[in-house]
Every structure is written in C-alpha cells, then in structure tokens.
C-alpha cells in the first residue's frame, strides 16, 4: 500500500483517471453590481452582497515540510510552516467541484438538468439594526448525481489511506459512501436562489431544554423572502436580507433569542434554523474538530478514518458542558464554526443537532480552496461576527492544534478586549500523545489570566460562570512560556504536565528563549528529529 504522502500526491492523478472526457473551459460569469463596502461596526447596509474571496494556490504538505527544514534550522519563530503547525485536515483540501465532478461521474448536461435542486442552507444568525431584523442567509445550491455504490466505493478509496472500503465494517462503509457522495456534487453557479419561507421554529439541537440552544420559538415572523443576488460561480450565496416583523419582537425590546425555521422553496433539501440575536448578551463561538468531537486531525491516518468512515463521537463529556451552558448562561447564542469545506458540512451539522444545543453554523465557502486560504477564513468569519454584534460578549472555544486559533484568538483579545469575554482552549498535546504539533502561546502575553484557560479535560470547564466573566478554573495551572510549546524533549516547556499549557515534564526554570539557544548543533539535531516525526506522521 502506498504511503499517505504518496497517496496524497497521487490524488489529482486519481481524479484524472476517473475522467471520461476533459471538461471544457468554465465560462466567465458576470458578478452582480457590487455594493460599495462601508465601515460601521454593525451590519453595514440593509442588503449586503458579500461574496467570499477567491484564493487558489497549489500546495503539497509533504513538499512544504521538506522545503522548510533548511530555513527552520536557523531559528524557530515564524519559520515553522503554518500548514504543519495548524492541524488543518489536509485530506479535505483540493476537493473536486463543478465540471470536474460531472466528468468524473461520466454524466451529460441533460442528465444534470433532470436532477432535483438541493440547497445547503447553513443555520443563519440575524442582527437588529435601525432598519429592523437582518438575516444572514448563506449556503450553497447544488445537485446530487445518482451515483452507483460501486462508483462511490472507487471514489471513497481515493480518500481512505492504508485501507480499502471493502475492509471496513458495513456501517463504516456506509458512512464513507455518504461523505463521498456529499463531496461529488454539482454546484449550480449563477442561478437564482428560490424563495425562502420563514415561520416560527419550535426547537433545534439537543440541549435538553424545550427548544434548546438558549433560544425560544418566535411569536411571529411568517413570511417569504427573496435573496437579491444569484449564486457565485461555485454555487455559494451569502447576503444579509431584511425581514418584516410580522409579530416578531423588535431586537431593542428583548434580550431573548428568537428562532425561525427557514426553507428554500423548490429544493428537496433546504431547511435551516435562523437565530434572531439581540444586540447584547453572550455568544459562544465553538470549533468542532477535536473539541466537540474526536477527530485527531494531527494524526492523518486516524483523522481520515474518523472523518470519512467512523461515526462522529463527542470528545469526553462536552455535550454535558454545553447543555449546562445552555441552561445557565442567560440568553446564550451558540455559533458553531468550522474551517472544513461546505461539501462536508451536513455531516457536521447532523452531529451537532444530535449532541449539542442548537445554534448558528459557519463554515468555509468553496472560494477558500487551499490551506493558506483556510488559515485566513477563521478570522474572516470571526470579524464578521464581531462587527455584526459589536455590543455582544464572545466566548471562544477551540484547541491548540490549530495555529490560526493560537494566533487569531489572542489577537482578538488584544484588539477587541471589550468583546472577548473568554478564550477556552483544549491542550491536545497534553491530552493525546499522537499530537506532535507545537503550538505558540506568545499571543497570550499581556492578556489577563482571568480571560483565558488552557484545559485538559472537559470537566475542567464545569462550574465556570461565563456570564460573569469567570473563564479560569484556578485548580488548573497554566505554565505558559509565551513561546512555542509542545516541542520534542520538552523544549520551550517550563513545568510539569498539568493539562494546561505544556507538553513537557521538566520542572526547571529555564525560559523558552534560553531553552532554544543551547547550541546550533544540538538544536539542529533535535529539530531534525522533530521534523522526522512530522514527516513520519504523513507517511
């Protein structure tokens, strides 16, 4: 069986082998008249056209690792490749879209035209402005080809590394085929999104509360709305749209979050739940991989099986933690944010609905198509949330295996101290010995300890009073060095492993800076060993 790296490099070739006829050039599609951007803190206009940026940069993670070894040896710092340190699941990169999918499946235009339209309607949030409630509708319009089980098995084997789909248990085979089918869809570019019907929503999510998710069923709001623009070339749509009150409570007269069902007419799939969020209160923005579910994106072989084949499993008792927050934090709004591509969002959403309180959902649009773009999408989405709700307090929950989290979250605390209520990070390297990725805690220097916590177990979060700003369980020592931690041999770590912020066992008082300057030859040898471990993870 070829190594992971070899299989990863052969992925484009595998798609090519499945192509019956080379697709023609994609015609350029005109964009709608652009709306000039503005710069207020709240939603800038009654109707906002906000297409995602297009960034397509070729990459190969193994080449990145090998190519960076030389420059890294001269000093640690920012020379560590961001793709290596981020833990972004590489198997979700460069997924096929559009004509390449149609060619791979060997279907013609007439067959595509006969397929029913489906809509990925990501659960939106709405804010209150002087014009009223504005809902941010976003998602993707696509068609699902009728693909045989044999074909899906062939396609699934492209992603499965070190195994064959036929060697998996039957339930895992079904999961792999379902996820593969969600990847090989036909996005519908430059089409009108059909009418969206709104009505009160009795509930969503699994917090155990009636309705769940800190929200309540709206008292009105039944109406139909139309998006102002066609989809992008990749089938995406993303726009704030004003709605009529029709019995809804104005946002400046309530602290309660109101919930509306949304359905795109004419689509066999197209349901979602909109959350009408008042200007003040607490919003919990939560990552999903390796904080709400067991993914192991830092261990490619396990990450593949956990994402493509195995059932999604909650990490420890995090559902209990979130159910407690849903019940005890007044009028809390949950936002589930993931940098995985839209094509696999439905599996994530179903997992959240089955295990966690209801909430809005945000993910990576198709235009963010590679790792470098992925590393910018998180801040893009966070800034949109913070600017849409400038008076709300945000609790940010994630893990240390993502370098964008380790950079963006403390940066937000520095830049927006009045909005960042808490930062809560699972220390994956202290929790899972298969995580060899270092993490950089330098961004937390200067932030009050009461505003953040690195934790080892879900129960470390129990009892925190988030509404009062109690973000730190004082029984969990932190031991931050404000530099790179989780390095081999405990380099940069400054205390015993205690589930907070380090991966070493030494108790010496040597600082991170002095630990990294113990001689060029020794440093090179140790870091070469570290890079060897990283490459081993990809083999």
Protein backbone atom coordinates (compact mmCIF):
# COMPACT_ATOMS: atom_id res chain seq x y z
CA UNK A 1 0.00 0.00 0.00
CA UNK A 2 1.49 3.40 -0.92
CA UNK A 3 2.30 5.74 1.93
CA UNK A 4 -0.02 8.58 2.94
CA UNK A 5 2.28 11.10 1.29
CA UNK A 6 2.38 9.10 -1.94
CA UNK A 7 -1.38 8.66 -1.92
CA UNK A 8 -1.83 12.39 -1.23
CA UNK A 9 0.41 13.29 -4.15
CA UNK A 10 -1.47 10.86 -6.40
CA UNK A 11 -4.86 12.35 -5.53
CA UNK A 12 -5.06 14.68 -8.56
CA UNK A 13 -3.96 11.84 -10.82
CA UNK A 14 -6.63 9.60 -9.37
CA UNK A 15 -9.30 12.12 -10.24
CA UNK A 16 -7.86 12.40 -13.75
CA UNK A 17 -8.10 8.65 -14.22
CA UNK A 18 -11.80 8.83 -13.48
CA UNK A 19 -12.47 11.50 -16.08
CA UNK A 20 -14.23 10.18 -19.17
CA UNK A 21 -13.86 13.39 -21.13
CA UNK A 22 -11.89 16.52 -20.30
CA UNK A 23 -14.20 19.34 -19.23
CA UNK A 24 -14.35 22.47 -21.31
CA UNK A 25 -13.32 25.86 -20.07
CA UNK A 26 -15.65 27.34 -17.48
CA UNK A 27 -17.22 30.49 -18.95
CA UNK A 28 -16.79 33.68 -17.02
CA UNK A 29 -19.95 34.71 -15.25
CA UNK A 30 -20.61 38.33 -14.52
CA UNK A 31 -20.99 39.38 -10.91
CA UNK A 32 -23.90 41.50 -9.73
CA UNK A 33 -23.38 45.19 -9.34
CA UNK A 34 -21.06 45.47 -6.40
CA UNK A 35 -22.25 47.26 -3.31
CA UNK A 36 -19.59 49.64 -2.06
CA UNK A 37 -18.24 48.48 1.32
CA UNK A 38 -18.78 50.63 4.37
CA UNK A 39 -17.09 50.67 7.72
CA UNK A 40 -19.57 50.93 10.59
CA UNK A 41 -19.41 48.39 13.39
CA UNK A 42 -22.87 46.92 12.73
CA UNK A 43 -24.25 45.33 9.59
CA UNK A 44 -23.27 47.98 7.06
CA UNK A 45 -26.35 48.03 4.87
CA UNK A 46 -29.90 46.81 4.61
CA UNK A 47 -28.84 44.28 1.97
CA UNK A 48 -25.22 43.27 1.91
CA UNK A 49 -23.61 41.46 -1.01
CA UNK A 50 -20.56 39.78 0.44
CA UNK A 51 -19.03 37.14 -1.80
CA UNK A 52 -16.06 35.24 -0.46
CA UNK A 53 -12.58 35.93 -1.70
CA UNK A 54 -11.17 33.55 -4.27
CA UNK A 55 -7.75 32.16 -3.44
CA UNK A 56 -6.43 29.16 -5.32
CA UNK A 57 -2.82 28.36 -4.51
CA UNK A 58 -1.27 24.96 -5.29
CA UNK A 59 0.35 23.20 -2.37
CA UNK A 60 1.67 19.86 -1.15
CA UNK A 61 2.11 19.47 2.60
CA UNK A 62 4.98 16.98 2.29
CA UNK A 63 6.90 19.32 -0.01
CA UNK A 64 6.18 22.17 2.40
CA UNK A 65 7.69 20.20 5.27
CA UNK A 66 10.79 19.14 3.33
CA UNK A 67 11.29 22.55 1.77
CA UNK A 68 11.13 24.37 5.08
CA UNK A 69 13.60 22.22 7.02
CA UNK A 70 16.59 24.25 5.89
CA UNK A 71 15.19 27.64 6.81
CA UNK A 72 13.75 26.42 10.10
CA UNK A 73 17.11 25.23 11.41
CA UNK A 74 18.34 28.82 11.67
CA UNK A 75 15.65 29.65 14.23
CA UNK A 76 12.22 28.55 15.33
CA UNK A 77 9.90 31.56 15.36
CA UNK A 78 7.60 32.06 12.39
CA UNK A 79 9.60 29.75 10.12
CA UNK A 80 7.56 26.73 11.18
CA UNK A 81 5.30 26.05 8.18
CA UNK A 82 1.81 27.23 9.04
CA UNK A 83 0.30 24.19 7.33
CA UNK A 84 2.31 21.87 9.60
CA UNK A 85 1.54 23.70 12.82
CA UNK A 86 -2.12 24.32 12.05
CA UNK A 87 -3.51 20.81 12.13
CA UNK A 88 -5.80 21.64 9.19
CA UNK A 89 -7.09 18.29 7.84
CA UNK A 90 -5.16 18.01 4.58
CA UNK A 91 -7.50 15.34 3.24
CA UNK A 92 -10.22 17.99 2.84
CA UNK A 93 -8.07 20.11 0.52
CA UNK A 94 -8.43 20.37 -3.27
CA UNK A 95 -11.82 18.66 -3.37
CA UNK A 96 -13.34 18.46 -6.86
CA UNK A 97 -16.16 20.82 -7.80
CA UNK A 98 -18.32 21.65 -10.82
CA UNK A 99 -17.31 20.30 -14.21
CA UNK A 100 -14.58 18.07 -12.78
CA UNK A 101 -17.23 16.21 -10.76
CA UNK A 102 -19.52 15.88 -13.78
CA UNK A 103 -16.69 14.50 -15.89
CA UNK A 104 -15.54 12.15 -13.13
CA UNK A 105 -19.02 10.67 -12.90
CA UNK A 106 -19.47 10.48 -16.68
CA UNK A 107 -22.84 12.25 -16.84
CA UNK A 108 -24.00 14.69 -19.52
CA UNK A 109 -25.80 18.03 -19.31
CA UNK A 110 -29.23 16.52 -19.96
CA UNK A 111 -28.80 14.13 -17.05
CA UNK A 112 -27.72 17.02 -14.82
CA UNK A 113 -30.73 19.11 -15.87
CA UNK A 114 -33.08 16.30 -14.82
CA UNK A 115 -31.67 16.16 -11.28
CA UNK A 116 -33.59 17.92 -8.47
CA UNK A 117 -32.05 21.04 -6.95
CA UNK A 118 -30.82 20.86 -3.37
CA UNK A 119 -29.67 23.64 -1.06
CA UNK A 120 -27.19 23.59 1.78
CA UNK A 121 -28.94 26.16 3.98
CA UNK A 122 -26.48 26.84 6.81
CA UNK A 123 -28.26 27.87 10.01
CA UNK A 124 -28.00 31.68 9.96
CA UNK A 125 -27.90 34.40 12.57
CA UNK A 126 -29.70 37.74 12.36
CA UNK A 127 -28.90 41.09 13.95
CA UNK A 128 -31.04 44.09 14.83
CA UNK A 129 -30.34 47.43 13.17
CA UNK A 130 -32.26 50.67 12.72
CA UNK A 131 -33.91 49.03 9.68
CA UNK A 132 -35.10 46.00 11.67
CA UNK A 133 -34.04 42.36 11.69
CA UNK A 134 -31.47 41.31 9.05
CA UNK A 135 -30.83 37.60 8.47
CA UNK A 136 -27.53 36.46 7.03
CA UNK A 137 -28.56 33.72 4.59
CA UNK A 138 -25.58 31.67 3.40
CA UNK A 139 -25.01 28.27 1.86
CA UNK A 140 -24.73 26.52 -1.49
CA UNK A 141 -27.05 25.43 -4.33
CA UNK A 142 -26.17 22.08 -5.89
CA UNK A 143 -27.46 18.90 -7.50
CA UNK A 144 -26.77 15.39 -6.21
CA UNK A 145 -25.94 12.91 -9.01
CA UNK A 146 -27.28 9.38 -8.92
CA UNK A 147 -24.00 7.57 -8.31
CA UNK A 148 -23.76 3.80 -8.07
CA UNK A 149 -22.43 2.11 -4.95
CA UNK A 150 -19.55 0.66 -6.97
CA UNK A 151 -18.56 4.11 -8.20
CA UNK A 152 -18.81 5.60 -4.71
CA UNK A 153 -16.56 2.83 -3.40
CA UNK A 154 -13.96 3.67 -6.04
CA UNK A 155 -14.14 7.36 -5.19
CA UNK A 156 -14.04 6.74 -1.43
CA UNK A 157 -10.86 4.68 -1.80
CA UNK A 158 -9.12 7.79 -3.15
CA UNK A 159 -9.50 9.38 0.28
CA UNK A 160 -9.08 6.34 2.51
CA UNK A 161 -5.41 5.81 3.30
CA UNK A 162 -3.94 2.48 4.35
CA UNK A 163 -7.20 0.61 3.90
CA UNK A 164 -9.85 -0.33 1.36
CA UNK A 165 -13.51 0.50 1.84
CA UNK A 166 -14.41 -3.18 1.49
CA UNK A 167 -12.23 -3.95 4.52
CA UNK A 168 -14.29 -1.63 6.74
CA UNK A 169 -17.32 -2.68 8.79
CA UNK A 170 -20.57 -2.25 6.88
CA UNK A 171 -21.64 0.79 8.90
CA UNK A 172 -18.29 2.48 8.22
CA UNK A 173 -18.62 1.67 4.51
CA UNK A 174 -21.99 3.41 4.50
CA UNK A 175 -20.52 6.46 6.23
CA UNK A 176 -17.67 6.63 3.72
CA UNK A 177 -20.05 6.41 0.76
CA UNK A 178 -22.34 9.09 2.22
CA UNK A 179 -19.49 11.53 2.81
CA UNK A 180 -18.00 10.80 -0.61
CA UNK A 181 -21.40 11.41 -2.22
CA UNK A 182 -21.59 14.79 -0.45
CA UNK A 183 -18.22 15.72 -1.97
CA UNK A 184 -19.10 14.69 -5.53
CA UNK A 185 -21.99 17.10 -6.06
CA UNK A 186 -22.66 19.55 -8.87
CA UNK A 187 -22.63 23.16 -7.65
CA UNK A 188 -25.07 25.43 -9.50
CA UNK A 189 -23.34 28.69 -10.40
CA UNK A 190 -25.09 31.95 -11.34
CA UNK A 191 -28.56 30.67 -10.51
CA UNK A 192 -31.32 32.39 -8.58
CA UNK A 193 -31.91 31.08 -5.08
CA UNK A 194 -35.59 30.26 -4.85
CA UNK A 195 -37.96 31.94 -2.39
CA UNK A 196 -37.09 31.31 1.27
CA UNK A 197 -40.07 30.65 3.55
CA UNK A 198 -39.86 31.69 7.22
CA UNK A 199 -42.04 30.55 10.11
CA UNK A 200 -41.65 30.13 13.91
CA UNK A 201 -39.36 27.22 14.91
CA UNK A 202 -40.42 25.11 17.92
CA UNK A 203 -36.90 23.79 18.54
CA UNK A 204 -33.49 22.70 17.33
CA UNK A 205 -30.48 20.98 18.88
CA UNK A 206 -30.24 18.61 21.83
CA UNK A 207 -29.60 20.69 24.94
CA UNK A 208 -32.45 19.06 26.82
CA UNK A 209 -34.31 22.34 27.14
CA UNK A 210 -37.60 22.85 25.33
CA UNK A 211 -36.33 24.21 22.04
CA UNK A 212 -32.73 24.16 23.19
CA UNK A 213 -29.82 26.44 22.49
CA UNK A 214 -30.79 29.35 24.72
CA UNK A 215 -33.43 30.48 22.20
CA UNK A 216 -37.21 30.48 22.09
CA UNK A 217 -39.80 29.95 19.40
CA UNK A 218 -40.58 33.22 17.67
CA UNK A 219 -44.05 34.69 18.26
CA UNK A 220 -44.45 35.56 14.59
CA UNK A 221 -42.38 36.29 11.53
CA UNK A 222 -44.07 34.06 8.96
CA UNK A 223 -43.20 35.43 5.51
CA UNK A 224 -41.39 34.75 2.24
CA UNK A 225 -38.15 36.50 1.29
CA UNK A 226 -36.02 36.59 -1.84
CA UNK A 227 -32.24 36.85 -2.00
CA UNK A 228 -31.08 39.85 -4.05
CA UNK A 229 -28.32 38.10 -5.98
CA UNK A 230 -27.62 34.92 -7.91
CA UNK A 231 -25.15 32.35 -6.64
CA UNK A 232 -21.42 32.69 -7.26
CA UNK A 233 -19.71 30.54 -9.88
CA UNK A 234 -19.22 27.89 -7.17
CA UNK A 235 -22.91 27.93 -6.23
CA UNK A 236 -22.43 29.89 -2.99
CA UNK A 237 -24.75 32.57 -1.63
CA UNK A 238 -24.11 34.91 1.31
CA UNK A 239 -26.16 38.05 1.99
CA UNK A 240 -27.83 39.91 4.83
CA UNK A 241 -31.52 40.37 3.98
CA UNK A 242 -34.06 42.49 5.92
CA UNK A 243 -37.27 40.82 7.05
CA UNK A 244 -40.61 42.19 8.23
CA UNK A 245 -41.61 41.98 11.88
CA UNK A 246 -44.98 40.28 11.27
CA UNK A 247 -45.33 39.63 15.00
CA UNK A 248 -41.62 39.29 15.85
CA UNK A 249 -40.32 41.15 18.90
CA UNK A 250 -38.00 44.03 17.95
CA UNK A 251 -34.39 43.41 18.92
CA UNK A 252 -34.22 46.57 21.03
CA UNK A 253 -37.15 45.40 23.17
CA UNK A 254 -35.95 41.95 24.21
CA UNK A 255 -32.89 40.04 25.40
CA UNK A 256 -34.36 36.76 24.15
CA UNK A 257 -33.10 35.00 21.02
CA UNK A 258 -35.96 34.20 18.65
CA UNK A 259 -35.90 31.19 16.37
CA UNK A 260 -37.35 30.85 12.85
CA UNK A 261 -37.45 27.88 10.52
CA UNK A 262 -36.15 28.67 7.03
CA UNK A 263 -36.82 26.59 3.93
CA UNK A 264 -35.76 27.23 0.35
CA UNK A 265 -38.78 26.51 -1.83
CA UNK A 266 -38.34 24.17 -4.77
CA UNK A 267 -35.45 22.28 -3.14
CA UNK A 268 -35.64 18.68 -1.97
CA UNK A 269 -33.23 19.70 0.79
CA UNK A 270 -33.07 23.27 2.01
CA UNK A 271 -34.10 23.51 5.67
CA UNK A 272 -32.34 25.62 8.27
CA UNK A 273 -32.98 27.48 11.52
CA UNK A 274 -32.39 31.23 11.84
CA UNK A 275 -31.46 32.78 15.19
CA UNK A 276 -32.55 36.39 15.73
CA UNK A 277 -29.90 37.62 18.17
CA UNK A 278 -30.40 40.88 20.12
CA UNK A 279 -27.57 43.43 20.34
CA UNK A 280 -26.35 42.47 23.84
CA UNK A 281 -25.66 39.15 25.54
CA UNK A 282 -23.23 36.22 25.37
CA UNK A 283 -22.31 34.35 22.16
CA UNK A 284 -20.26 31.14 22.38
CA UNK A 285 -18.23 30.57 19.21
CA UNK A 286 -17.10 26.96 19.14
CA UNK A 287 -14.81 25.00 16.88
CA UNK A 288 -15.87 21.38 16.29
CA UNK A 289 -12.92 19.14 15.41
CA UNK A 290 -11.02 17.86 18.46
CA UNK A 291 -13.03 19.99 20.86
CA UNK A 292 -16.63 18.83 20.34
CA UNK A 293 -15.82 15.59 18.53
CA UNK A 294 -12.88 13.18 18.32
CA UNK A 295 -11.14 13.89 15.01
CA UNK A 296 -7.35 13.72 15.53
CA UNK A 297 -6.60 15.97 12.57
CA UNK A 298 -2.98 15.96 13.76
CA UNK A 299 -2.83 12.19 13.09
CA UNK A 300 -3.66 11.86 9.36
CA UNK A 301 -4.46 8.14 9.29
CA UNK A 302 -6.76 8.34 12.29
CA UNK A 303 -8.16 11.66 11.11
CA UNK A 304 -9.16 10.14 7.79
CA UNK A 305 -11.00 7.24 9.38
CA UNK A 306 -12.66 9.47 11.98
CA UNK A 307 -13.83 11.86 9.27
CA UNK A 308 -14.69 9.54 6.37
CA UNK A 309 -15.70 6.23 7.92
CA UNK A 310 -16.31 6.09 11.65
CA UNK A 311 -19.35 7.56 13.36
CA UNK A 312 -18.73 11.04 14.76
CA UNK A 313 -18.13 10.70 18.51
CA UNK A 314 -18.23 13.53 21.10
CA UNK A 315 -14.98 14.30 22.89
CA UNK A 316 -15.34 13.31 26.54
CA UNK A 317 -18.49 14.81 28.12
CA UNK A 318 -18.52 18.08 26.17
CA UNK A 319 -22.27 17.66 25.42
CA UNK A 320 -22.90 17.92 29.19
CA UNK A 321 -20.76 21.07 29.39
CA UNK A 322 -22.67 22.73 26.55
CA UNK A 323 -26.05 21.64 27.89
CA UNK A 324 -25.10 23.24 31.21
CA UNK A 325 -24.08 26.48 29.47
CA UNK A 326 -27.33 26.43 27.50
CA UNK A 327 -29.29 26.15 30.75
CA UNK A 328 -27.29 28.56 32.93
CA UNK A 329 -25.94 31.35 30.68
CA UNK A 330 -28.84 33.76 30.14
CA UNK A 331 -30.00 34.07 26.52
CA UNK A 332 -26.83 32.49 25.17
CA UNK A 333 -26.26 32.21 21.42
CA UNK A 334 -24.15 29.30 20.11
CA UNK A 335 -22.22 29.66 16.84
CA UNK A 336 -20.54 26.50 15.54
CA UNK A 337 -17.64 27.47 13.28
CA UNK A 338 -15.54 25.08 11.23
CA UNK A 339 -12.92 25.57 8.52
CA UNK A 340 -13.88 22.32 6.80
CA UNK A 341 -15.32 22.82 3.28
CA UNK A 342 -19.02 23.26 2.68
CA UNK A 343 -19.33 19.88 0.97
CA UNK A 344 -18.89 18.03 4.28
CA UNK A 345 -20.88 20.49 6.41
CA UNK A 346 -24.07 18.45 6.52
CA UNK A 347 -22.38 15.61 8.43
CA UNK A 348 -21.06 18.13 10.95
CA UNK A 349 -24.47 19.78 11.31
CA UNK A 350 -26.22 16.46 11.92
CA UNK A 351 -23.66 15.63 14.60
CA UNK A 352 -24.21 18.98 16.33
CA UNK A 353 -28.01 18.65 16.23
CA UNK A 354 -27.79 15.19 17.81
CA UNK A 355 -25.42 16.11 20.64
CA UNK A 356 -25.26 19.86 21.33
CA UNK A 357 -27.55 22.88 21.81
CA UNK A 358 -28.98 24.43 18.68
CA UNK A 359 -27.11 27.32 17.15
CA UNK A 360 -25.93 29.10 14.05
CA UNK A 361 -23.42 27.42 11.75
CA UNK A 362 -20.49 28.88 9.84
CA UNK A 363 -18.05 27.07 7.58
CA UNK A 364 -15.54 27.57 4.78
CA UNK A 365 -17.07 28.64 1.44
CA UNK A 366 -15.83 26.90 -1.69
CA UNK A 367 -13.87 30.00 -2.70
CA UNK A 368 -11.50 29.36 0.20
CA UNK A 369 -9.90 26.45 -1.57
CA UNK A 370 -6.49 25.70 -0.06
CA UNK A 371 -4.60 25.70 3.23
CA UNK A 372 -3.34 29.30 3.05
CA UNK A 373 -6.88 30.49 2.36
CA UNK A 374 -8.21 28.23 5.10
CA UNK A 375 -5.86 29.87 7.60
CA UNK A 376 -7.48 33.23 6.81
CA UNK A 377 -11.13 32.12 6.75
CA UNK A 378 -11.40 31.77 10.53
CA UNK A 379 -10.50 35.42 11.14
CA UNK A 380 -12.73 36.42 8.21
CA UNK A 381 -15.72 34.71 9.83
CA UNK A 382 -14.86 35.95 13.33
CA UNK A 383 -14.57 39.55 12.20
CA UNK A 384 -17.97 39.25 10.51
CA UNK A 385 -19.49 38.03 13.80
CA UNK A 386 -17.81 40.71 15.92
CA UNK A 387 -18.80 43.51 13.54
CA UNK A 388 -22.36 42.23 13.24
CA UNK A 389 -22.76 42.18 17.05
CA UNK A 390 -20.46 44.96 18.35
CA UNK A 391 -22.09 45.05 21.81
CA UNK A 392 -22.17 41.30 22.49
CA UNK A 393 -19.56 39.41 24.53
CA UNK A 394 -17.91 36.39 22.88
CA UNK A 395 -16.61 33.17 24.43
CA UNK A 396 -14.16 31.45 22.04
CA UNK A 397 -13.71 27.66 22.37
CA UNK A 398 -11.18 25.60 20.38
CA UNK A 399 -7.97 23.56 20.76
CA UNK A 400 -4.22 24.11 20.49
CA UNK A 401 -3.67 22.04 17.32
CA UNK A 402 -4.77 24.93 15.08
CA UNK A 403 -2.15 27.62 14.54
CA UNK A 404 -4.78 30.04 13.27
CA UNK A 405 -6.65 29.69 16.56
CA UNK A 406 -3.44 30.25 18.54
CA UNK A 407 -2.80 33.42 16.56
CA UNK A 408 -6.29 34.80 15.93
CA UNK A 409 -7.93 34.27 19.32
CA UNK A 410 -5.37 36.18 21.43
CA UNK A 411 -5.16 38.83 18.69
CA UNK A 412 -8.90 39.38 19.02
CA UNK A 413 -8.48 39.68 22.79
CA UNK A 414 -5.86 42.38 22.25
CA UNK A 415 -7.80 44.18 19.50
CA UNK A 416 -11.33 43.80 20.92
CA UNK A 417 -10.90 43.47 24.71
CA UNK A 418 -14.45 44.66 25.38
CA UNK A 419 -15.93 41.94 23.18
CA UNK A 420 -13.79 38.89 24.02
CA UNK A 421 -15.20 37.54 27.29
CA UNK A 422 -13.28 34.25 27.47
CA UNK A 423 -10.86 32.07 25.49
CA UNK A 424 -11.04 28.35 26.35
CA UNK A 425 -8.55 26.02 24.65
CA UNK A 426 -8.17 22.27 24.96
CA UNK A 427 -4.48 21.40 25.10
CA UNK A 428 -4.44 18.49 22.64
CA UNK A 429 -0.74 17.74 23.09
CA UNK A 430 -1.31 17.21 26.83
CA UNK A 431 -4.41 15.13 26.10
CA UNK A 432 -3.31 12.99 23.16
CA UNK A 433 0.22 11.65 22.75
CA UNK A 434 -0.31 11.33 18.98
CA UNK A 435 -0.35 15.14 18.67
CA UNK A 436 3.23 16.18 17.88
CA UNK A 437 2.38 19.64 16.60
CA UNK A 438 3.89 22.52 18.57
CA UNK A 439 1.72 25.46 19.50
CA UNK A 440 2.62 29.09 20.06
CA UNK A 441 1.37 30.76 23.24
CA UNK A 442 3.19 34.06 22.65
CA UNK A 443 -0.03 35.84 21.69
CA UNK A 444 -1.38 35.44 25.22
CA UNK A 445 1.34 37.57 26.77
CA UNK A 446 -0.25 40.66 28.25
CA UNK A 447 -3.75 39.17 28.43
CA UNK A 448 -5.19 38.92 31.94
CA UNK A 449 -5.18 35.29 33.11
CA UNK A 450 -8.82 35.65 34.16
CA UNK A 451 -9.82 35.87 30.47
CA UNK A 452 -8.39 32.57 29.21
CA UNK A 453 -7.70 28.98 30.18
CA UNK A 454 -5.86 26.02 28.65
CA UNK A 455 -7.53 22.84 29.85
CA UNK A 456 -7.02 19.10 29.62
CA UNK A 457 -10.44 17.59 30.32
CA UNK A 458 -13.98 18.72 29.63
CA UNK A 459 -14.76 18.69 33.35
CA UNK A 460 -12.18 21.46 33.81
CA UNK A 461 -14.86 23.75 32.33
CA UNK A 462 -17.61 22.70 34.73
CA UNK A 463 -18.60 25.40 37.16
CA UNK A 464 -17.25 28.37 35.22
CA UNK A 465 -19.55 31.40 35.35
CA UNK A 466 -19.18 32.61 31.77
CA UNK A 467 -21.82 35.31 32.09
CA UNK A 468 -19.86 36.87 34.98
CA UNK A 469 -16.59 36.62 33.08
CA UNK A 470 -15.18 33.72 35.14
CA UNK A 471 -13.09 31.98 32.49
CA UNK A 472 -10.30 30.44 34.57
CA UNK A 473 -10.57 27.40 36.83
CA UNK A 474 -7.82 28.17 39.34
CA UNK A 475 -7.24 24.48 40.05
CA UNK A 476 -5.81 24.12 36.52
CA UNK A 477 -2.23 25.53 36.46
CA UNK A 478 -1.31 27.13 33.15
CA UNK A 479 2.52 27.19 32.90
CA UNK A 480 2.64 29.29 29.75
CA UNK A 481 6.08 30.19 28.42
CA UNK A 482 4.65 32.69 25.89
CA UNK A 483 6.54 30.96 23.09
CA UNK A 484 6.46 27.63 21.24
CA UNK A 485 5.41 24.72 23.43
CA UNK A 486 4.74 21.05 22.81
CA UNK A 487 8.16 20.63 21.14
CA UNK A 488 10.15 17.37 21.34
CA UNK A 489 12.13 16.71 24.54
CA UNK A 490 10.13 19.41 26.31
CA UNK A 491 11.93 22.29 24.58
CA UNK A 492 10.19 25.54 25.48
CA UNK A 493 8.12 23.93 28.23
CA UNK A 494 8.50 25.22 31.74
CA UNK A 495 6.81 22.90 34.17
CA UNK A 496 5.15 19.58 34.77
CA UNK A 497 2.34 18.43 32.53
CA UNK A 498 -0.82 19.50 34.30
CA UNK A 499 -3.34 19.62 31.49
CA UNK A 500 -2.96 23.30 30.88
CA UNK A 501 -0.31 24.69 28.64
CA UNK A 502 2.64 22.41 28.14
CA UNK A 503 3.74 19.04 26.95
CA UNK A 504 6.94 18.56 28.96
CA UNK A 505 7.77 17.02 32.30
CA UNK A 506 10.71 19.08 33.46
CA UNK A 507 10.43 21.46 36.34
CA UNK A 508 13.45 23.61 35.57
CA UNK A 509 13.08 27.34 35.43
CA UNK A 510 14.79 27.74 32.08
CA UNK A 511 12.86 30.15 29.87
CA UNK A 512 11.63 29.34 26.39
CA UNK A 513 14.17 31.71 24.90
CA UNK A 514 17.14 30.23 26.74
CA UNK A 515 15.96 26.69 26.06
CA UNK A 516 16.06 27.41 22.34
CA UNK A 517 19.64 28.71 22.38
CA UNK A 518 21.59 25.74 23.65
CA UNK A 519 23.87 25.41 20.66
CA UNK A 520 23.43 25.23 16.92
CA UNK A 521 24.48 21.61 16.50
CA UNK A 522 22.24 20.31 19.29
CA UNK A 523 19.36 22.44 18.08
CA UNK A 524 19.72 21.19 14.52
CA UNK A 525 19.80 17.59 15.66
CA UNK A 526 16.74 17.95 17.86
CA UNK A 527 14.75 19.87 15.28
CA UNK A 528 15.72 17.44 12.55
CA UNK A 529 14.33 14.71 14.79
CA UNK A 530 11.18 16.75 15.26
CA UNK A 531 10.78 17.21 11.51
CA UNK A 532 11.35 13.49 11.10
CA UNK A 533 8.45 12.84 13.41
CA UNK A 534 6.32 15.26 11.42
CA UNK A 535 7.15 13.54 8.13
CA UNK A 536 6.51 10.18 9.79
CA UNK A 537 3.00 11.38 10.63
CA UNK A 538 2.40 11.89 6.92
CA UNK A 539 3.73 8.52 5.75
